[in-house]
Amino acid sequence: MRDPFVNGMATVRFVSASLEFTAALLMLRFGRVDTALRINGVLGLVGPIILILTTALGVAGMAGRVQIGKLALIFVGVYLILYGSR
């Protein structure tokens, strides 16, 4: 039996991949740089949300098995990724 947290994480990533693929198709369909940049801007907002959701699901799944200090390190790591990509 699969872990429901893993299923949730995979589902979020499948949704993310679907959004990315759809955005690529829209860029090709419109064929304009300004429109492609707008679509890319929306993806830039969605990416961090997907990262946070996936990490939150993973941490929730590990909550009872990992020490609190290690969980804090995971959150610090996610924060640094988001901060560094600004």
N, C-alpha and C. Protein backbone atom coordinates (compact mmCIF):
# COMPACT_ATOMS: atom_id res chain seq x y z
N MET A 1 0.84 -1.18 0.00
CA MET A 1 0.00 0.00 0.00
C MET A 1 0.89 1.25 0.00
N ARG A 2 0.54 2.20 -0.82
CA ARG A 2 1.33 3.43 -0.93
C ARG A 2 0.96 4.42 0.16
N ASP A 3 1.93 5.18 0.52
CA ASP A 3 1.74 6.23 1.52
C ASP A 3 0.89 7.35 0.92
N PRO A 4 -0.17 7.78 1.60
CA PRO A 4 -1.03 8.84 1.04
C PRO A 4 -0.29 10.17 0.87
N PHE A 5 0.74 10.40 1.68
CA PHE A 5 1.51 11.64 1.52
C PHE A 5 2.31 11.61 0.22
N VAL A 6 2.86 10.45 -0.11
CA VAL A 6 3.59 10.31 -1.37
C VAL A 6 2.64 10.49 -2.54
N ASN A 7 1.45 9.91 -2.44
CA ASN A 7 0.44 10.10 -3.49
C ASN A 7 0.09 11.57 -3.66
N GLY A 8 -0.06 12.27 -2.55
CA GLY A 8 -0.37 13.70 -2.60
C GLY A 8 0.76 14.50 -3.24
N MET A 9 1.99 14.18 -2.85
CA MET A 9 3.14 14.88 -3.43
C MET A 9 3.22 14.64 -4.93
N ALA A 10 3.02 13.40 -5.35
CA ALA A 10 3.06 13.08 -6.78
C ALA A 10 1.94 13.77 -7.53
N THR A 11 0.76 13.83 -6.92
CA THR A 11 -0.37 14.50 -7.57
C THR A 11 -0.09 15.98 -7.78
N VAL A 12 0.47 16.64 -6.76
CA VAL A 12 0.81 18.06 -6.89
C VAL A 12 1.81 18.25 -8.02
N ARG A 13 2.78 17.37 -8.12
CA ARG A 13 3.79 17.47 -9.18
C ARG A 13 3.19 17.19 -10.56
N PHE A 14 2.24 16.25 -10.65
CA PHE A 14 1.55 16.01 -11.92
C PHE A 14 0.76 17.23 -12.36
N VAL A 15 0.09 17.87 -11.40
CA VAL A 15 -0.65 19.10 -11.72
C VAL A 15 0.31 20.18 -12.19
N SER A 16 1.45 20.29 -11.53
CA SER A 16 2.46 21.27 -11.92
C SER A 16 2.96 21.00 -13.33
N ALA A 17 3.24 19.74 -13.61
CA ALA A 17 3.72 19.39 -14.95
C ALA A 17 2.66 19.68 -16.01
N SER A 18 1.41 19.44 -15.68
CA SER A 18 0.32 19.74 -16.62
C SER A 18 0.23 21.23 -16.89
N LEU A 19 0.39 22.04 -15.85
CA LEU A 19 0.39 23.49 -16.03
C LEU A 19 1.55 23.94 -16.90
N GLU A 20 2.73 23.38 -16.67
CA GLU A 20 3.91 23.73 -17.46
C GLU A 20 3.71 23.35 -18.92
N PHE A 21 3.19 22.17 -19.17
CA PHE A 21 2.98 21.70 -20.54
C PHE A 21 1.93 22.57 -21.24
N THR A 22 0.85 22.87 -20.53
CA THR A 22 -0.19 23.73 -21.10
C THR A 22 0.36 25.11 -21.40
N ALA A 23 1.18 25.64 -20.51
CA ALA A 23 1.78 26.96 -20.74
C ALA A 23 2.67 26.94 -21.98
N ALA A 24 3.43 25.87 -22.16
CA ALA A 24 4.29 25.76 -23.35
C ALA A 24 3.45 25.73 -24.62
N LEU A 25 2.35 25.00 -24.58
CA LEU A 25 1.46 24.94 -25.75
C LEU A 25 0.84 26.31 -26.04
N LEU A 26 0.46 27.03 -24.98
CA LEU A 26 -0.10 28.37 -25.17
C LEU A 26 0.93 29.32 -25.75
N MET A 27 2.17 29.21 -25.30
CA MET A 27 3.23 30.05 -25.86
C MET A 27 3.38 29.80 -27.36
N LEU A 28 3.37 28.54 -27.73
CA LEU A 28 3.48 28.20 -29.16
C LEU A 28 2.25 28.67 -29.94
N ARG A 29 1.09 28.53 -29.34
CA ARG A 29 -0.15 28.92 -30.02
C ARG A 29 -0.19 30.42 -30.29
N PHE A 30 0.16 31.22 -29.28
CA PHE A 30 0.11 32.67 -29.45
C PHE A 30 1.29 33.19 -30.28
N GLY A 31 2.45 32.56 -30.14
CA GLY A 31 3.60 32.89 -30.96
C GLY A 31 4.13 34.31 -30.83
N ARG A 32 3.88 34.94 -29.72
CA ARG A 32 4.37 36.31 -29.49
C ARG A 32 5.21 36.32 -28.23
N VAL A 33 6.31 37.05 -28.28
CA VAL A 33 7.22 37.10 -27.15
C VAL A 33 6.56 37.75 -25.94
N ASP A 34 5.80 38.83 -26.14
CA ASP A 34 5.19 39.50 -24.99
C ASP A 34 4.18 38.60 -24.28
N THR A 35 3.41 37.84 -25.05
CA THR A 35 2.44 36.92 -24.45
C THR A 35 3.17 35.77 -23.76
N ALA A 36 4.23 35.28 -24.38
CA ALA A 36 5.01 34.19 -23.77
C ALA A 36 5.61 34.64 -22.44
N LEU A 37 6.07 35.89 -22.38
CA LEU A 37 6.62 36.41 -21.12
C LEU A 37 5.55 36.51 -20.04
N ARG A 38 4.35 36.89 -20.42
CA ARG A 38 3.26 36.94 -19.43
C ARG A 38 2.95 35.54 -18.89
N ILE A 39 2.87 34.58 -19.80
CA ILE A 39 2.62 33.20 -19.39
C ILE A 39 3.75 32.72 -18.48
N ASN A 40 4.97 33.02 -18.85
CA ASN A 40 6.13 32.64 -18.05
C ASN A 40 6.09 33.30 -16.68
N GLY A 41 5.60 34.53 -16.61
CA GLY A 41 5.48 35.22 -15.33
C GLY A 41 4.50 34.52 -14.40
N VAL A 42 3.40 34.05 -14.96
CA VAL A 42 2.43 33.30 -14.15
C VAL A 42 3.06 32.02 -13.63
N LEU A 43 3.82 31.34 -14.49
CA LEU A 43 4.50 30.12 -14.05
C LEU A 43 5.51 30.42 -12.94
N GLY A 44 6.14 31.59 -13.01
CA GLY A 44 7.07 31.98 -11.97
C GLY A 44 6.41 32.13 -10.61
N LEU A 45 5.14 32.48 -10.61
CA LEU A 45 4.39 32.57 -9.36
C LEU A 45 3.93 31.20 -8.88
N VAL A 46 3.60 30.33 -9.82
CA VAL A 46 3.08 29.01 -9.47
C VAL A 46 4.18 28.11 -8.92
N GLY A 47 5.40 28.22 -9.46
CA GLY A 47 6.49 27.34 -9.05
C GLY A 47 6.75 27.30 -7.56
N PRO A 48 6.92 28.46 -6.91
CA PRO A 48 7.15 28.43 -5.46
C PRO A 48 5.97 27.85 -4.67
N ILE A 49 4.77 28.08 -5.15
CA ILE A 49 3.60 27.52 -4.47
C ILE A 49 3.64 26.00 -4.52
N ILE A 50 4.00 25.46 -5.68
CA ILE A 50 4.11 24.01 -5.84
C ILE A 50 5.20 23.47 -4.92
N LEU A 51 6.34 24.15 -4.86
CA LEU A 51 7.43 23.73 -3.98
C LEU A 51 6.97 23.70 -2.52
N ILE A 52 6.28 24.73 -2.09
CA ILE A 52 5.82 24.80 -0.70
C ILE A 52 4.80 23.70 -0.42
N LEU A 53 3.85 23.49 -1.33
CA LEU A 53 2.84 22.45 -1.12
C LEU A 53 3.47 21.06 -1.04
N THR A 54 4.36 20.77 -1.96
CA THR A 54 5.00 19.46 -1.98
C THR A 54 5.83 19.24 -0.73
N THR A 55 6.58 20.25 -0.33
CA THR A 55 7.39 20.13 0.88
C THR A 55 6.51 19.97 2.12
N ALA A 56 5.44 20.74 2.18
CA ALA A 56 4.53 20.64 3.33
C ALA A 56 3.94 19.25 3.45
N LEU A 57 3.55 18.66 2.32
CA LEU A 57 3.02 17.30 2.36
C LEU A 57 4.08 16.31 2.83
N GLY A 58 5.31 16.46 2.33
CA GLY A 58 6.39 15.58 2.74
C GLY A 58 6.71 15.70 4.23
N VAL A 59 6.74 16.93 4.70
CA VAL A 59 7.02 17.16 6.13
C VAL A 59 5.89 16.61 6.99
N ALA A 60 4.66 16.79 6.54
CA ALA A 60 3.52 16.24 7.29
C ALA A 60 3.61 14.72 7.37
N GLY A 61 4.06 14.11 6.30
CA GLY A 61 4.21 12.66 6.29
C GLY A 61 5.33 12.17 7.18
N MET A 62 6.34 13.00 7.40
CA MET A 62 7.49 12.62 8.22
C MET A 62 7.39 13.13 9.65
N ALA A 63 6.37 13.86 9.97
CA ALA A 63 6.30 14.59 11.24
C ALA A 63 6.55 13.71 12.47
N GLY A 64 6.05 12.52 12.51
CA GLY A 64 6.21 11.68 13.68
C GLY A 64 7.51 10.90 13.70
N ARG A 65 8.25 10.91 12.60
CA ARG A 65 9.44 10.06 12.50
C ARG A 65 10.76 10.83 12.48
N VAL A 66 10.70 12.14 12.37
CA VAL A 66 11.92 12.93 12.25
C VAL A 66 12.02 13.90 13.42
N GLN A 67 13.23 14.12 13.87
CA GLN A 67 13.45 15.05 14.98
C GLN A 67 13.07 16.46 14.56
N ILE A 68 12.65 17.24 15.55
CA ILE A 68 12.18 18.61 15.29
C ILE A 68 13.29 19.47 14.69
N GLY A 69 14.53 19.24 15.07
CA GLY A 69 15.65 20.01 14.53
C GLY A 69 15.82 19.77 13.03
N LYS A 70 15.64 18.54 12.60
CA LYS A 70 15.76 18.23 11.17
C LYS A 70 14.59 18.82 10.39
N LEU A 71 13.41 18.84 10.97
CA LEU A 71 12.27 19.48 10.31
C LEU A 71 12.54 20.98 10.14
N ALA A 72 13.12 21.58 11.15
CA ALA A 72 13.46 23.00 11.07
C ALA A 72 14.47 23.24 9.95
N LEU A 73 15.43 22.35 9.80
CA LEU A 73 16.41 22.48 8.71
C LEU A 73 15.74 22.39 7.34
N ILE A 74 14.74 21.53 7.22
CA ILE A 74 14.00 21.42 5.95
C ILE A 74 13.32 22.75 5.64
N PHE A 75 12.66 23.32 6.63
CA PHE A 75 11.98 24.61 6.40
C PHE A 75 12.97 25.73 6.08
N VAL A 76 14.11 25.72 6.75
CA VAL A 76 15.14 26.72 6.45
C VAL A 76 15.64 26.54 5.02
N GLY A 77 15.82 25.30 4.60
CA GLY A 77 16.26 25.03 3.23
C GLY A 77 15.27 25.53 2.20
N VAL A 78 13.98 25.28 2.42
CA VAL A 78 12.96 25.77 1.49
C VAL A 78 12.95 27.29 1.47
N TYR A 79 13.07 27.90 2.65
CA TYR A 79 13.12 29.36 2.71
C TYR A 79 14.31 29.90 1.91
N LEU A 80 15.46 29.28 2.07
CA LEU A 80 16.65 29.75 1.35
C LEU A 80 16.50 29.59 -0.17
N ILE A 81 15.86 28.51 -0.59
CA ILE A 81 15.60 28.34 -2.03
C ILE A 81 14.71 29.46 -2.54
N LEU A 82 13.65 29.73 -1.81
CA LEU A 82 12.72 30.79 -2.24
C LEU A 82 13.39 32.17 -2.18
N TYR A 83 14.15 32.41 -1.13
CA TYR A 83 14.84 33.69 -0.99
C TYR A 83 15.88 33.88 -2.08
N GLY A 84 16.62 32.83 -2.37
CA GLY A 84 17.67 32.91 -3.38
C GLY A 84 17.16 33.05 -4.80
N SER A 85 15.92 32.68 -5.02
CA SER A 85 15.37 32.76 -6.38
C SER A 85 14.59 34.05 -6.62
N ARG A 86 14.64 34.97 -5.67
CA ARG A 86 13.93 36.25 -5.84
C ARG A 86 14.64 37.16 -6.79
